[in-house]
Amino acid sequence: MIVFLAITSICAFAESDENNGVRDPTIPLGYSSGYVGSRNASELVLDSVLISPNRKLAIINGEILREGQALAGASGIKVQRILPQTVVLQQGEKTWVLNLSPSVITKH
């Protein structure tokens, strides 16, 4: 039992380092999306939005992003703005919005 807890703790610590110290608490430890290759806008899915007084994060196709960051393998698509239920993306002069699925939205 102690060995299992130690291994779980080590995995959690390693995952937090991969995302600049931020780990999505809703993703199981050791999860990998398995995505390889480039993406286009029609394949992007807004999984979650996390907003606190200190930071705003968007999880798009399992990738944790802040405002101004570019999506990996997405031909220069950047997160322009993060709002409670939507994320505004930009690629050059083109701008569009990803919305959370109604089944994901929860109010506190």
Protein backbone atom coordinates (compact mmCIF):
# COMPACT_ATOMS: atom_id res chain seq x y z
CA MET A 1 0.00 0.00 0.00
CA ILE A 2 2.81 2.43 0.87
CA VAL A 3 4.61 1.66 -2.40
CA PHE A 4 1.43 2.37 -4.38
CA LEU A 5 1.00 5.76 -2.66
CA ALA A 6 4.64 6.67 -3.29
CA ILE A 7 4.39 5.81 -6.99
CA THR A 8 1.12 7.74 -7.31
CA SER A 9 2.71 10.80 -5.66
CA ILE A 10 5.74 10.65 -7.96
CA CYS A 11 3.51 10.42 -11.07
CA ALA A 12 1.42 13.38 -9.94
CA PHE A 13 4.55 15.46 -9.31
CA ALA A 14 6.00 14.58 -12.72
CA GLU A 15 2.77 15.50 -14.51
CA SER A 16 2.59 18.90 -12.83
CA ASP A 17 6.09 19.72 -14.14
CA GLU A 18 5.02 18.98 -17.72
CA ASN A 19 2.39 21.74 -17.65
CA ASN A 20 4.36 24.58 -16.04
CA GLY A 21 3.32 23.48 -12.55
CA VAL A 22 -0.37 23.25 -13.44
CA ARG A 23 -2.15 19.91 -13.60
CA ASP A 24 -5.80 19.56 -14.59
CA PRO A 25 -7.40 17.95 -11.52
CA THR A 26 -10.09 16.30 -13.65
CA ILE A 27 -7.65 14.19 -15.71
CA PRO A 28 -6.73 10.82 -14.20
CA LEU A 29 -3.07 10.32 -13.27
CA GLY A 30 -1.08 8.84 -16.11
CA TYR A 31 -3.66 9.82 -18.76
CA SER A 32 -2.38 10.59 -22.23
CA SER A 33 -4.58 11.85 -25.05
CA GLY A 34 -2.48 9.91 -27.54
CA TYR A 35 -2.89 12.71 -30.11
CA VAL A 36 -0.22 12.95 -32.78
CA GLY A 37 -0.16 15.29 -35.76
CA SER A 38 -1.45 18.70 -36.73
CA ARG A 39 -4.91 20.04 -35.96
CA ASN A 40 -7.35 22.34 -37.66
CA ALA A 41 -10.05 24.48 -36.07
CA SER A 42 -12.86 21.98 -36.72
CA GLU A 43 -11.06 19.35 -34.59
CA LEU A 44 -10.65 21.58 -31.52
CA VAL A 45 -12.82 20.86 -28.49
CA LEU A 46 -13.00 23.01 -25.37
CA ASP A 47 -12.83 20.47 -22.54
CA SER A 48 -12.80 22.81 -19.56
CA VAL A 49 -12.26 26.39 -18.38
CA LEU A 50 -10.66 27.10 -15.02
CA ILE A 51 -10.82 30.69 -13.77
CA SER A 52 -9.55 32.00 -10.44
CA PRO A 53 -8.52 35.46 -9.25
CA ASN A 54 -4.88 34.57 -10.05
CA ARG A 55 -5.13 32.75 -13.38
CA LYS A 56 -7.25 31.69 -16.32
CA LEU A 57 -6.74 28.30 -17.96
CA ALA A 58 -8.43 26.63 -20.90
CA ILE A 59 -8.17 22.92 -21.63
CA ILE A 60 -8.49 22.32 -25.36
CA ASN A 61 -8.16 18.75 -26.63
CA GLY A 62 -6.53 17.86 -23.30
CA GLU A 63 -3.89 20.61 -23.56
CA ILE A 64 -3.72 23.19 -20.74
CA LEU A 65 -3.32 26.72 -22.09
CA ARG A 66 -3.17 30.32 -20.85
CA GLU A 67 -4.14 33.45 -22.76
CA GLY A 68 -1.52 34.17 -25.44
CA GLN A 69 -0.28 30.57 -25.73
CA ALA A 70 -0.39 28.65 -29.00
CA LEU A 71 -1.88 25.19 -29.35
CA ALA A 72 0.70 22.51 -30.13
CA GLY A 73 0.53 21.33 -33.73
CA ALA A 74 -2.27 23.75 -34.63
CA SER A 75 -0.55 25.97 -37.23
CA GLY A 76 -0.27 29.07 -35.08
CA ILE A 77 -3.70 29.01 -33.42
CA LYS A 78 -3.43 31.04 -30.19
CA VAL A 79 -5.69 31.50 -27.19
CA GLN A 80 -6.69 35.15 -27.37
CA ARG A 81 -9.16 35.31 -24.47
CA ILE A 82 -10.54 32.93 -21.82
CA LEU A 83 -14.09 33.52 -20.56
CA PRO A 84 -16.20 31.42 -18.13
CA GLN A 85 -17.89 29.30 -20.84
CA THR A 86 -15.98 30.19 -24.01
CA VAL A 87 -12.48 30.64 -25.38
CA VAL A 88 -11.63 33.04 -28.20
CA LEU A 89 -8.97 31.71 -30.59
CA GLN A 90 -6.97 33.55 -33.22
CA GLN A 91 -4.91 32.50 -36.20
CA GLY A 92 -3.53 35.47 -38.13
CA GLU A 93 -6.52 37.68 -38.95
CA LYS A 94 -9.08 34.92 -38.33
CA THR A 95 -10.86 34.78 -34.95
CA TRP A 96 -13.40 32.23 -33.68
CA VAL A 97 -14.95 30.98 -30.43
CA LEU A 98 -14.99 27.54 -28.80
CA ASN A 99 -17.89 26.95 -26.40
CA LEU A 100 -18.22 24.44 -23.59
CA SER A 101 -20.74 21.71 -24.20
CA PRO A 102 -23.96 22.40 -22.22
CA SER A 103 -23.42 19.10 -20.37
CA VAL A 104 -20.05 20.39 -19.03
CA ILE A 105 -21.28 23.75 -17.69
CA THR A 106 -21.79 23.87 -13.93
CA LYS A 107 -22.73 26.87 -11.84
CA HIS A 108 -21.47 27.39 -8.31
